[in-house]
Amino acid sequence: MYVAEHRSTIVGFGSVTPTRNELRAIYVDGSWVRRGVGAAILKQLESVALKARCQYLELESSLNAKDFYLAHGYIELAHATHGVGDAYDMACILMRKQMACAT
């Protein structure tokens, strides 16, 4: 997990699970969107995946984050739903990015 801070305030975070080729999450505070925070977190998480020799990363993107991931080389696989606790299911998009792993 990586955390982005500004003056001791968390402005974003993200996590990756290389053993499952899974980008778990990237969240950025609304006032910090489109300021490079998400891209910086994604770069760090992809670096972890590369070091772990992941051939690809997959994620369940929220609908509003789809364009962010497309801009960073992810492709859309399918529309799905993601359970949010016991409360409800959230529409999401399954996405994948092939990683350029060293052999």
PDB file of N, CA and C in Angstrom:
ATOM      1  N   MET A   1       0.845  -1.175   0.000  1.00  0.00           N
ATOM      2  CA  MET A   1       0.000   0.000   0.000  1.00  0.00           C
ATOM      3  C   MET A   1       0.888   1.235   0.000  1.00  0.00           C
ATOM      4  N   TYR A   2       0.472   2.207  -0.787  1.00  0.00           N
ATOM      5  CA  TYR A   2       1.148   3.498  -0.822  1.00  0.00           C
ATOM      6  C   TYR A   2       0.161   4.570  -0.421  1.00  0.00           C
ATOM      7  N   VAL A   3       0.666   5.566   0.306  1.00  0.00           N
ATOM      8  CA  VAL A   3      -0.144   6.686   0.768  1.00  0.00           C
ATOM      9  C   VAL A   3       0.491   7.975   0.283  1.00  0.00           C
ATOM     10  N   ALA A   4      -0.316   8.850  -0.274  1.00  0.00           N
ATOM     11  CA  ALA A   4       0.159  10.170  -0.702  1.00  0.00           C
ATOM     12  C   ALA A   4      -0.276  11.190   0.346  1.00  0.00           C
ATOM     13  N   GLU A   5       0.676  11.995   0.779  1.00  0.00           N
ATOM     14  CA  GLU A   5       0.393  13.005   1.795  1.00  0.00           C
ATOM     15  C   GLU A   5       0.780  14.387   1.298  1.00  0.00           C
ATOM     16  N   HIS A   6       0.101  15.377   1.818  1.00  0.00           N
ATOM     17  CA  HIS A   6       0.471  16.770   1.609  1.00  0.00           C
ATOM     18  C   HIS A   6       0.349  17.461   2.965  1.00  0.00           C
ATOM     19  N   ARG A   7       1.476  17.930   3.482  1.00  0.00           N
ATOM     20  CA  ARG A   7       1.491  18.606   4.791  1.00  0.00           C
ATOM     21  C   ARG A   7       0.808  17.762   5.865  1.00  0.00           C
ATOM     22  N   SER A   8       1.198  16.502   5.938  1.00  0.00           N
ATOM     23  CA  SER A   8       0.707  15.539   6.933  1.00  0.00           C
ATOM     24  C   SER A   8      -0.762  15.164   6.786  1.00  0.00           C
ATOM     25  N   THR A   9      -1.364  15.502   5.648  1.00  0.00           N
ATOM     26  CA  THR A   9      -2.749  15.115   5.371  1.00  0.00           C
ATOM     27  C   THR A   9      -2.755  14.100   4.241  1.00  0.00           C
ATOM     28  N   ILE A  10      -3.454  12.989   4.437  1.00  0.00           N
ATOM     29  CA  ILE A  10      -3.550  11.971   3.393  1.00  0.00           C
ATOM     30  C   ILE A  10      -4.438  12.506   2.279  1.00  0.00           C
ATOM     31  N   VAL A  11      -3.887  12.504   1.050  1.00  0.00           N
ATOM     32  CA  VAL A  11      -4.654  12.982  -0.106  1.00  0.00           C
ATOM     33  C   VAL A  11      -4.969  11.847  -1.079  1.00  0.00           C
ATOM     34  N   GLY A  12      -4.393  10.678  -0.848  1.00  0.00           N
ATOM     35  CA  GLY A  12      -4.682   9.527  -1.690  1.00  0.00           C
ATOM     36  C   GLY A  12      -3.971   8.296  -1.190  1.00  0.00           C
ATOM     37  N   PHE A  13      -4.432   7.138  -1.646  1.00  0.00           N
ATOM     38  CA  PHE A  13      -3.759   5.883  -1.315  1.00  0.00           C
ATOM     39  C   PHE A  13      -4.128   4.831  -2.341  1.00  0.00           C
ATOM     40  N   GLY A  14      -3.342   3.770  -2.377  1.00  0.00           N
ATOM     41  CA  GLY A  14      -3.614   2.675  -3.293  1.00  0.00           C
ATOM     42  C   GLY A  14      -2.901   1.421  -2.837  1.00  0.00           C
ATOM     43  N   SER A  15      -3.364   0.283  -3.332  1.00  0.00           N
ATOM     44  CA  SER A  15      -2.726  -0.977  -2.969  1.00  0.00           C
ATOM     45  C   SER A  15      -2.761  -1.954  -4.140  1.00  0.00           C
ATOM     46  N   VAL A  16      -1.812  -2.872  -4.099  1.00  0.00           N
ATOM     47  CA  VAL A  16      -1.688  -3.897  -5.128  1.00  0.00           C
ATOM     48  C   VAL A  16      -1.396  -5.224  -4.434  1.00  0.00           C
ATOM     49  N   THR A  17      -1.908  -6.307  -5.009  1.00  0.00           N
ATOM     50  CA  THR A  17      -1.632  -7.655  -4.511  1.00  0.00           C
ATOM     51  C   THR A  17      -0.962  -8.431  -5.643  1.00  0.00           C
ATOM     52  N   PRO A  18       0.371  -8.375  -5.721  1.00  0.00           N
ATOM     53  CA  PRO A  18       1.077  -9.007  -6.839  1.00  0.00           C
ATOM     54  C   PRO A  18       0.821 -10.509  -6.975  1.00  0.00           C
ATOM     55  N   THR A  19       0.641 -11.205  -5.874  1.00  0.00           N
ATOM     56  CA  THR A  19       0.412 -12.650  -5.951  1.00  0.00           C
ATOM     57  C   THR A  19      -0.893 -12.995  -6.653  1.00  0.00           C
ATOM     58  N   ARG A  20      -1.782 -12.010  -6.781  1.00  0.00           N
ATOM     59  CA  ARG A  20      -3.063 -12.220  -7.470  1.00  0.00           C
ATOM     60  C   ARG A  20      -3.168 -11.374  -8.736  1.00  0.00           C
ATOM     61  N   ASN A  21      -2.043 -10.717  -9.120  1.00  0.00           N
ATOM     62  CA  ASN A  21      -2.050  -9.821 -10.288  1.00  0.00           C
ATOM     63  C   ASN A  21      -3.176  -8.800 -10.173  1.00  0.00           C
ATOM     64  N   GLU A  22      -3.379  -8.285  -8.977  1.00  0.00           N
ATOM     65  CA  GLU A  22      -4.548  -7.453  -8.719  1.00  0.00           C
ATOM     66  C   GLU A  22      -4.174  -6.067  -8.211  1.00  0.00           C
ATOM     67  N   LEU A  23      -4.625  -5.074  -8.945  1.00  0.00           N
ATOM     68  CA  LEU A  23      -4.568  -3.705  -8.465  1.00  0.00           C
ATOM     69  C   LEU A  23      -5.811  -3.537  -7.617  1.00  0.00           C
ATOM     70  N   ARG A  24      -5.642  -3.422  -6.320  1.00  0.00           N
ATOM     71  CA  ARG A  24      -6.786  -3.437  -5.405  1.00  0.00           C
ATOM     72  C   ARG A  24      -7.571  -2.145  -5.412  1.00  0.00           C
ATOM     73  N   ALA A  25      -6.865  -1.027  -5.347  1.00  0.00           N
ATOM     74  CA  ALA A  25      -7.596   0.235  -5.240  1.00  0.00           C
ATOM     75  C   ALA A  25      -6.653   1.414  -5.403  1.00  0.00           C
ATOM     76  N   ILE A  26      -7.191   2.491  -5.928  1.00  0.00           N
ATOM     77  CA  ILE A  26      -6.555   3.800  -5.862  1.00  0.00           C
ATOM     78  C   ILE A  26      -7.677   4.781  -5.537  1.00  0.00           C
ATOM     79  N   TYR A  27      -7.488   5.513  -4.465  1.00  0.00           N
ATOM     80  CA  TYR A  27      -8.461   6.522  -4.059  1.00  0.00           C
ATOM     81  C   TYR A  27      -7.735   7.846  -3.882  1.00  0.00           C
ATOM     82  N   VAL A  28      -8.313   8.900  -4.416  1.00  0.00           N
ATOM     83  CA  VAL A  28      -7.739  10.233  -4.295  1.00  0.00           C
ATOM     84  C   VAL A  28      -8.823  11.168  -3.761  1.00  0.00           C
ATOM     85  N   ASP A  29      -8.471  11.970  -2.774  1.00  0.00           N
ATOM     86  CA  ASP A  29      -9.383  12.969  -2.228  1.00  0.00           C
ATOM     87  C   ASP A  29      -9.886  13.857  -3.362  1.00  0.00           C
ATOM     88  N   GLY A  30     -11.170  14.153  -3.361  1.00  0.00           N
ATOM     89  CA  GLY A  30     -11.790  14.913  -4.442  1.00  0.00           C
ATOM     90  C   GLY A  30     -11.099  16.230  -4.764  1.00  0.00           C
ATOM     91  N   SER A  31     -10.558  16.897  -3.766  1.00  0.00           N
ATOM     92  CA  SER A  31      -9.892  18.177  -4.016  1.00  0.00           C
ATOM     93  C   SER A  31      -8.504  18.003  -4.625  1.00  0.00           C
ATOM     94  N   TRP A  32      -8.042  16.769  -4.732  1.00  0.00           N
ATOM     95  CA  TRP A  32      -6.722  16.487  -5.309  1.00  0.00           C
ATOM     96  C   TRP A  32      -6.799  15.762  -6.651  1.00  0.00           C
ATOM     97  N   VAL A  33      -7.996  15.539  -7.163  1.00  0.00           N
ATOM     98  CA  VAL A  33      -8.175  14.876  -8.457  1.00  0.00           C
ATOM     99  C   VAL A  33      -7.585  15.749  -9.562  1.00  0.00           C
ATOM    100  N   ARG A  34      -6.990  15.100 -10.561  1.00  0.00           N
ATOM    101  CA  ARG A  34      -6.374  15.759 -11.722  1.00  0.00           C
ATOM    102  C   ARG A  34      -5.171  16.627 -11.358  1.00  0.00           C
ATOM    103  N   ARG A  35      -4.456  16.209 -10.289  1.00  0.00           N
ATOM    104  CA  ARG A  35      -3.256  16.930  -9.883  1.00  0.00           C
ATOM    105  C   ARG A  35      -2.050  15.989  -9.843  1.00  0.00           C
ATOM    106  N   GLY A  36      -2.198  14.796 -10.429  1.00  0.00           N
ATOM    107  CA  GLY A  36      -1.079  13.864 -10.530  1.00  0.00           C
ATOM    108  C   GLY A  36      -0.943  12.884  -9.379  1.00  0.00           C
ATOM    109  N   VAL A  37      -1.796  12.985  -8.392  1.00  0.00           N
ATOM    110  CA  VAL A  37      -1.709  12.101  -7.226  1.00  0.00           C
ATOM    111  C   VAL A  37      -1.999  10.659  -7.624  1.00  0.00           C
ATOM    112  N   GLY A  38      -3.106  10.437  -8.324  1.00  0.00           N
ATOM    113  CA  GLY A  38      -3.463   9.077  -8.741  1.00  0.00           C
ATOM    114  C   GLY A  38      -2.414   8.470  -9.650  1.00  0.00           C
ATOM    115  N   ALA A  39      -1.892   9.264 -10.580  1.00  0.00           N
ATOM    116  CA  ALA A  39      -0.866   8.769 -11.498  1.00  0.00           C
ATOM    117  C   ALA A  39       0.407   8.388 -10.744  1.00  0.00           C
ATOM    118  N   ALA A  40       0.778   9.173  -9.742  1.00  0.00           N
ATOM    119  CA  ALA A  40       1.974   8.868  -8.955  1.00  0.00           C
ATOM    120  C   ALA A  40       1.790   7.581  -8.152  1.00  0.00           C
ATOM    121  N   ILE A  41       0.614   7.419  -7.574  1.00  0.00           N
ATOM    122  CA  ILE A  41       0.332   6.185  -6.828  1.00  0.00           C
ATOM    123  C   ILE A  41       0.346   4.991  -7.770  1.00  0.00           C
ATOM    124  N   LEU A  42      -0.304   5.120  -8.921  1.00  0.00           N
ATOM    125  CA  LEU A  42      -0.346   4.030  -9.896  1.00  0.00           C
ATOM    126  C   LEU A  42       1.059   3.643 -10.342  1.00  0.00           C
ATOM    127  N   LYS A  43       1.907   4.605 -10.585  1.00  0.00           N
ATOM    128  CA  LYS A  43       3.284   4.329 -10.996  1.00  0.00           C
ATOM    129  C   LYS A  43       4.009   3.485  -9.941  1.00  0.00           C
ATOM    130  N   GLN A  44       3.829   3.823  -8.676  1.00  0.00           N
ATOM    131  CA  GLN A  44       4.467   3.055  -7.598  1.00  0.00           C
ATOM    132  C   GLN A  44       3.913   1.636  -7.521  1.00  0.00           C
ATOM    133  N   LEU A  45       2.602   1.498  -7.642  1.00  0.00           N
ATOM    134  CA  LEU A  45       1.982   0.170  -7.555  1.00  0.00           C
ATOM    135  C   LEU A  45       2.399  -0.703  -8.733  1.00  0.00           C
ATOM    136  N   GLU A  46       2.467  -0.129  -9.925  1.00  0.00           N
ATOM    137  CA  GLU A  46       2.917  -0.892 -11.088  1.00  0.00           C
ATOM    138  C   GLU A  46       4.389  -1.281 -10.949  1.00  0.00           C
ATOM    139  N   SER A  47       5.181  -0.444 -10.322  1.00  0.00           N
ATOM    140  CA  SER A  47       6.585  -0.770 -10.073  1.00  0.00           C
ATOM    141  C   SER A  47       6.702  -1.995  -9.164  1.00  0.00           C
ATOM    142  N   VAL A  48       5.863  -2.056  -8.149  1.00  0.00           N
ATOM    143  CA  VAL A  48       5.829  -3.234  -7.263  1.00  0.00           C
ATOM    144  C   VAL A  48       5.467  -4.478  -8.059  1.00  0.00           C
ATOM    145  N   ALA A  49       4.458  -4.352  -8.928  1.00  0.00           N
ATOM    146  CA  ALA A  49       4.019  -5.490  -9.744  1.00  0.00           C
ATOM    147  C   ALA A  49       5.133  -5.957 -10.682  1.00  0.00           C
ATOM    148  N   LEU A  50       5.849  -5.020 -11.274  1.00  0.00           N
ATOM    149  CA  LEU A  50       6.955  -5.386 -12.167  1.00  0.00           C
ATOM    150  C   LEU A  50       8.054  -6.114 -11.413  1.00  0.00           C
ATOM    151  N   LYS A  51       8.400  -5.614 -10.237  1.00  0.00           N
ATOM    152  CA  LYS A  51       9.436  -6.267  -9.420  1.00  0.00           C
ATOM    153  C   LYS A  51       9.014  -7.670  -9.008  1.00  0.00           C
ATOM    154  N   ALA A  52       7.709  -7.875  -8.864  1.00  0.00           N
ATOM    155  CA  ALA A  52       7.183  -9.191  -8.506  1.00  0.00           C
ATOM    156  C   ALA A  52       6.973 -10.067  -9.744  1.00  0.00           C
ATOM    157  N   ARG A  53       7.349  -9.538 -10.920  1.00  0.00           N
ATOM    158  CA  ARG A  53       7.251 -10.244 -12.199  1.00  0.00           C
ATOM    159  C   ARG A  53       5.819 -10.570 -12.613  1.00  0.00           C
ATOM    160  N   CYS A  54       4.901  -9.690 -12.277  1.00  0.00           N
ATOM    161  CA  CYS A  54       3.524  -9.848 -12.745  1.00  0.00           C
ATOM    162  C   CYS A  54       3.502  -9.656 -14.258  1.00  0.00           C
ATOM    163  N   GLN A  55       2.813 -10.520 -14.950  1.00  0.00           N
ATOM    164  CA  GLN A  55       2.675 -10.379 -16.394  1.00  0.00           C
ATOM    165  C   GLN A  55       1.546  -9.421 -16.755  1.00  0.00           C
ATOM    166  N   TYR A  56       0.623  -9.214 -15.822  1.00  0.00           N
ATOM    167  CA  TYR A  56      -0.494  -8.303 -16.044  1.00  0.00           C
ATOM    168  C   TYR A  56      -1.037  -7.859 -14.694  1.00  0.00           C
ATOM    169  N   LEU A  57      -1.829  -6.809 -14.703  1.00  0.00           N
ATOM    170  CA  LEU A  57      -2.594  -6.392 -13.533  1.00  0.00           C
ATOM    171  C   LEU A  57      -4.053  -6.279 -13.949  1.00  0.00           C
ATOM    172  N   GLU A  58      -4.940  -6.689 -13.063  1.00  0.00           N
ATOM    173  CA  GLU A  58      -6.374  -6.546 -13.290  1.00  0.00           C
ATOM    174  C   GLU A  58      -6.975  -5.751 -12.143  1.00  0.00           C
ATOM    175  N   LEU A  59      -8.104  -5.110 -12.429  1.00  0.00           N
ATOM    176  CA  LEU A  59      -8.787  -4.337 -11.402  1.00  0.00           C
ATOM    177  C   LEU A  59     -10.259  -4.230 -11.729  1.00  0.00           C
ATOM    178  N   GLU A  60     -11.026  -3.883 -10.719  1.00  0.00           N
ATOM    179  CA  GLU A  60     -12.433  -3.534 -10.875  1.00  0.00           C
ATOM    180  C   GLU A  60     -12.511  -2.026 -10.717  1.00  0.00           C
ATOM    181  N   SER A  61     -12.640  -1.327 -11.819  1.00  0.00           N
ATOM    182  CA  SER A  61     -12.670   0.135 -11.812  1.00  0.00           C
ATOM    183  C   SER A  61     -14.080   0.650 -11.571  1.00  0.00           C
ATOM    184  N   SER A  62     -14.185   1.715 -10.808  1.00  0.00           N
ATOM    185  CA  SER A  62     -15.471   2.411 -10.727  1.00  0.00           C
ATOM    186  C   SER A  62     -15.726   3.037 -12.093  1.00  0.00           C
ATOM    187  N   LEU A  63     -16.976   3.344 -12.377  1.00  0.00           N
ATOM    188  CA  LEU A  63     -17.302   3.916 -13.686  1.00  0.00           C
ATOM    189  C   LEU A  63     -16.619   5.263 -13.897  1.00  0.00           C
ATOM    190  N   ASN A  64     -16.497   6.057 -12.847  1.00  0.00           N
ATOM    191  CA  ASN A  64     -15.891   7.376 -13.015  1.00  0.00           C
ATOM    192  C   ASN A  64     -14.374   7.324 -13.137  1.00  0.00           C
ATOM    193  N   ALA A  65     -13.737   6.201 -12.822  1.00  0.00           N
ATOM    194  CA  ALA A  65     -12.284   6.079 -12.937  1.00  0.00           C
ATOM    195  C   ALA A  65     -11.852   5.422 -14.251  1.00  0.00           C
ATOM    196  N   LYS A  66     -12.813   4.984 -15.048  1.00  0.00           N
ATOM    197  CA  LYS A  66     -12.513   4.261 -16.291  1.00  0.00           C
ATOM    198  C   LYS A  66     -11.535   5.034 -17.186  1.00  0.00           C
ATOM    199  N   ASP A  67     -11.791   6.305 -17.425  1.00  0.00           N
ATOM    200  CA  ASP A  67     -10.930   7.083 -18.324  1.00  0.00           C
ATOM    201  C   ASP A  67      -9.514   7.228 -17.773  1.00  0.00           C
ATOM    202  N   PHE A  68      -9.376   7.322 -16.456  1.00  0.00           N
ATOM    203  CA  PHE A  68      -8.054   7.379 -15.825  1.00  0.00           C
ATOM    204  C   PHE A  68      -7.249   6.132 -16.188  1.00  0.00           C
ATOM    205  N   TYR A  69      -7.850   4.973 -16.008  1.00  0.00           N
ATOM    206  CA  TYR A  69      -7.133   3.730 -16.291  1.00  0.00           C
ATOM    207  C   TYR A  69      -6.889   3.546 -17.789  1.00  0.00           C
ATOM    208  N   LEU A  70      -7.844   3.915 -18.625  1.00  0.00           N
ATOM    209  CA  LEU A  70      -7.621   3.848 -20.074  1.00  0.00           C
ATOM    210  C   LEU A  70      -6.424   4.708 -20.469  1.00  0.00           C
ATOM    211  N   ALA A  71      -6.307   5.879 -19.882  1.00  0.00           N
ATOM    212  CA  ALA A  71      -5.195   6.788 -20.184  1.00  0.00           C
ATOM    213  C   ALA A  71      -3.850   6.238 -19.737  1.00  0.00           C
ATOM    214  N   HIS A  72      -3.878   5.247 -18.838  1.00  0.00           N
ATOM    215  CA  HIS A  72      -2.641   4.645 -18.336  1.00  0.00           C
ATOM    216  C   HIS A  72      -2.419   3.230 -18.875  1.00  0.00           C
ATOM    217  N   GLY A  73      -3.068   2.922 -19.993  1.00  0.00           N
ATOM    218  CA  GLY A  73      -2.770   1.676 -20.685  1.00  0.00           C
ATOM    219  C   GLY A  73      -3.613   0.474 -20.340  1.00  0.00           C
ATOM    220  N   TYR A  74      -4.640   0.648 -19.519  1.00  0.00           N
ATOM    221  CA  TYR A  74      -5.524  -0.467 -19.181  1.00  0.00           C
ATOM    222  C   TYR A  74      -6.594  -0.595 -20.252  1.00  0.00           C
ATOM    223  N   ILE A  75      -7.077  -1.802 -20.450  1.00  0.00           N
ATOM    224  CA  ILE A  75      -8.147  -2.038 -21.405  1.00  0.00           C
ATOM    225  C   ILE A  75      -9.373  -2.562 -20.666  1.00  0.00           C
ATOM    226  N   GLU A  76     -10.520  -2.285 -21.237  1.00  0.00           N
ATOM    227  CA  GLU A  76     -11.788  -2.720 -20.670  1.00  0.00           C
ATOM    228  C   GLU A  76     -12.044  -4.171 -21.067  1.00  0.00           C
ATOM    229  N   LEU A  77     -12.351  -5.009 -20.079  1.00  0.00           N
ATOM    230  CA  LEU A  77     -12.662  -6.413 -20.346  1.00  0.00           C
ATOM    231  C   LEU A  77     -14.158  -6.680 -20.315  1.00  0.00           C
ATOM    232  N   ALA A  78     -14.838  -6.158 -19.294  1.00  0.00           N
ATOM    233  CA  ALA A  78     -16.264  -6.431 -19.140  1.00  0.00           C
ATOM    234  C   ALA A  78     -16.869  -5.510 -18.094  1.00  0.00           C
ATOM    235  N   HIS A  79     -18.180  -5.340 -18.170  1.00  0.00           N
ATOM    236  CA  HIS A  79     -18.910  -4.628 -17.124  1.00  0.00           C
ATOM    237  C   HIS A  79     -19.331  -5.659 -16.086  1.00  0.00           C
ATOM    238  N   ALA A  80     -19.333  -5.262 -14.823  1.00  0.00           N
ATOM    239  CA  ALA A  80     -19.656  -6.183 -13.741  1.00  0.00           C
ATOM    240  C   ALA A  80     -20.222  -5.388 -12.572  1.00  0.00           C
ATOM    241  N   THR A  81     -20.376  -6.056 -11.451  1.00  0.00           N
ATOM    242  CA  THR A  81     -20.748  -5.386 -10.208  1.00  0.00           C
ATOM    243  C   THR A  81     -19.762  -5.794  -9.119  1.00  0.00           C
ATOM    244  N   HIS A  82     -19.596  -4.913  -8.171  1.00  0.00           N
ATOM    245  CA  HIS A  82     -18.692  -5.139  -7.049  1.00  0.00           C
ATOM    246  C   HIS A  82     -19.497  -4.963  -5.770  1.00  0.00           C
ATOM    247  N   GLY A  83     -19.480  -5.967  -4.917  1.00  0.00           N
ATOM    248  CA  GLY A  83     -20.212  -5.883  -3.658  1.00  0.00           C
ATOM    249  C   GLY A  83     -19.566  -4.888  -2.715  1.00  0.00           C
ATOM    250  N   VAL A  84     -20.379  -4.002  -2.165  1.00  0.00           N
ATOM    251  CA  VAL A  84     -19.907  -3.007  -1.200  1.00  0.00           C
ATOM    252  C   VAL A  84     -20.505  -3.392   0.144  1.00  0.00           C
ATOM    253  N   GLY A  85     -19.744  -4.192   0.887  1.00  0.00           N
ATOM    254  CA  GLY A  85     -20.270  -4.711   2.146  1.00  0.00           C
ATOM    255  C   GLY A  85     -21.529  -5.513   1.885  1.00  0.00           C
ATOM    256  N   ASP A  86     -22.440  -5.451   2.823  1.00  0.00           N
ATOM    257  CA  ASP A  86     -23.740  -6.103   2.654  1.00  0.00           C
ATOM    258  C   ASP A  86     -24.779  -5.128   2.113  1.00  0.00           C
ATOM    259  N   ALA A  87     -24.360  -3.888   1.905  1.00  0.00           N
ATOM    260  CA  ALA A  87     -25.304  -2.822   1.568  1.00  0.00           C
ATOM    261  C   ALA A  87     -25.825  -2.891   0.143  1.00  0.00           C
ATOM    262  N   TYR A  88     -24.926  -2.954  -0.839  1.00  0.00           N
ATOM    263  CA  TYR A  88     -25.376  -2.930  -2.227  1.00  0.00           C
ATOM    264  C   TYR A  88     -24.248  -3.350  -3.159  1.00  0.00           C
ATOM    265  N   ASP A  89     -24.593  -3.516  -4.423  1.00  0.00           N
ATOM    266  CA  ASP A  89     -23.618  -3.806  -5.463  1.00  0.00           C
ATOM    267  C   ASP A  89     -23.386  -2.540  -6.271  1.00  0.00           C
ATOM    268  N   MET A  90     -22.126  -2.265  -6.568  1.00  0.00           N
ATOM    269  CA  MET A  90     -21.752  -1.088  -7.330  1.00  0.00           C
ATOM    270  C   MET A  90     -21.338  -1.520  -8.735  1.00  0.00           C
ATOM    271  N   ALA A  91     -21.836  -0.826  -9.746  1.00  0.00           N
ATOM    272  CA  ALA A  91     -21.418  -1.110 -11.111  1.00  0.00           C
ATOM    273  C   ALA A  91     -19.926  -0.822 -11.234  1.00  0.00           C
ATOM    274  N   CYS A  92     -19.219  -1.684 -11.955  1.00  0.00           N
ATOM    275  CA  CYS A  92     -17.786  -1.482 -12.156  1.00  0.00           C
ATOM    276  C   CYS A  92     -17.386  -2.034 -13.522  1.00  0.00           C
ATOM    277  N   ILE A  93     -16.137  -1.820 -13.861  1.00  0.00           N
ATOM    278  CA  ILE A  93     -15.587  -2.288 -15.129  1.00  0.00           C
ATOM    279  C   ILE A  93     -14.340  -3.101 -14.837  1.00  0.00           C
ATOM    280  N   LEU A  94     -14.315  -4.343 -15.303  1.00  0.00           N
ATOM    281  CA  LEU A  94     -13.114  -5.157 -15.178  1.00  0.00           C
ATOM    282  C   LEU A  94     -12.115  -4.670 -16.215  1.00  0.00           C
ATOM    283  N   MET A  95     -10.879  -4.413 -15.759  1.00  0.00           N
ATOM    284  CA  MET A  95      -9.855  -3.875 -16.653  1.00  0.00           C
ATOM    285  C   MET A  95      -8.551  -4.634 -16.454  1.00  0.00           C
ATOM    286  N   ARG A  96      -7.684  -4.553 -17.463  1.00  0.00           N
ATOM    287  CA  ARG A  96      -6.408  -5.268 -17.417  1.00  0.00           C
ATOM    288  C   ARG A  96      -5.345  -4.467 -18.148  1.00  0.00           C
ATOM    289  N   LYS A  97      -4.104  -4.616 -17.654  1.00  0.00           N
ATOM    290  CA  LYS A  97      -2.943  -4.044 -18.328  1.00  0.00           C
ATOM    291  C   LYS A  97      -1.841  -5.085 -18.368  1.00  0.00           C
ATOM    292  N   GLN A  98      -1.308  -5.316 -19.559  1.00  0.00           N
ATOM    293  CA  GLN A  98      -0.151  -6.199 -19.700  1.00  0.00           C
ATOM    294  C   GLN A  98       1.064  -5.442 -19.170  1.00  0.00           C
ATOM    295  N   MET A  99       1.874  -6.118 -18.389  1.00  0.00           N
ATOM    296  CA  MET A  99       3.058  -5.495 -17.816  1.00  0.00           C
ATOM    297  C   MET A  99       4.274  -5.906 -18.654  1.00  0.00           C
ATOM    298  N   ALA A 100       5.215  -5.011 -18.781  1.00  0.00           N
ATOM    299  CA  ALA A 100       6.447  -5.275 -19.541  1.00  0.00           C
ATOM    300  C   ALA A 100       7.479  -5.847 -18.588  1.00  0.00           C
ATOM    301  N   CYS A 101       7.364  -7.135 -18.307  1.00  0.00           N
ATOM    302  CA  CYS A 101       8.252  -7.777 -17.328  1.00  0.00           C
ATOM    303  C   CYS A 101       9.577  -8.166 -17.943  1.00  0.00           C
ATOM    304  N   ALA A 102      10.618  -7.993 -17.164  1.00  0.00           N
ATOM    305  CA  ALA A 102      11.935  -8.473 -17.562  1.00  0.00           C
ATOM    306  C   ALA A 102      12.012  -9.966 -17.316  1.00  0.00           C
ATOM    307  N   THR A 103      12.693 -10.666 -18.173  1.00  0.00           N
ATOM    308  CA  THR A 103      12.797 -12.122 -17.989  1.00  0.00           C
ATOM    309  C   THR A 103      14.082 -12.483 -17.287  1.00  0.00           C
TER     310      THR A 103
END
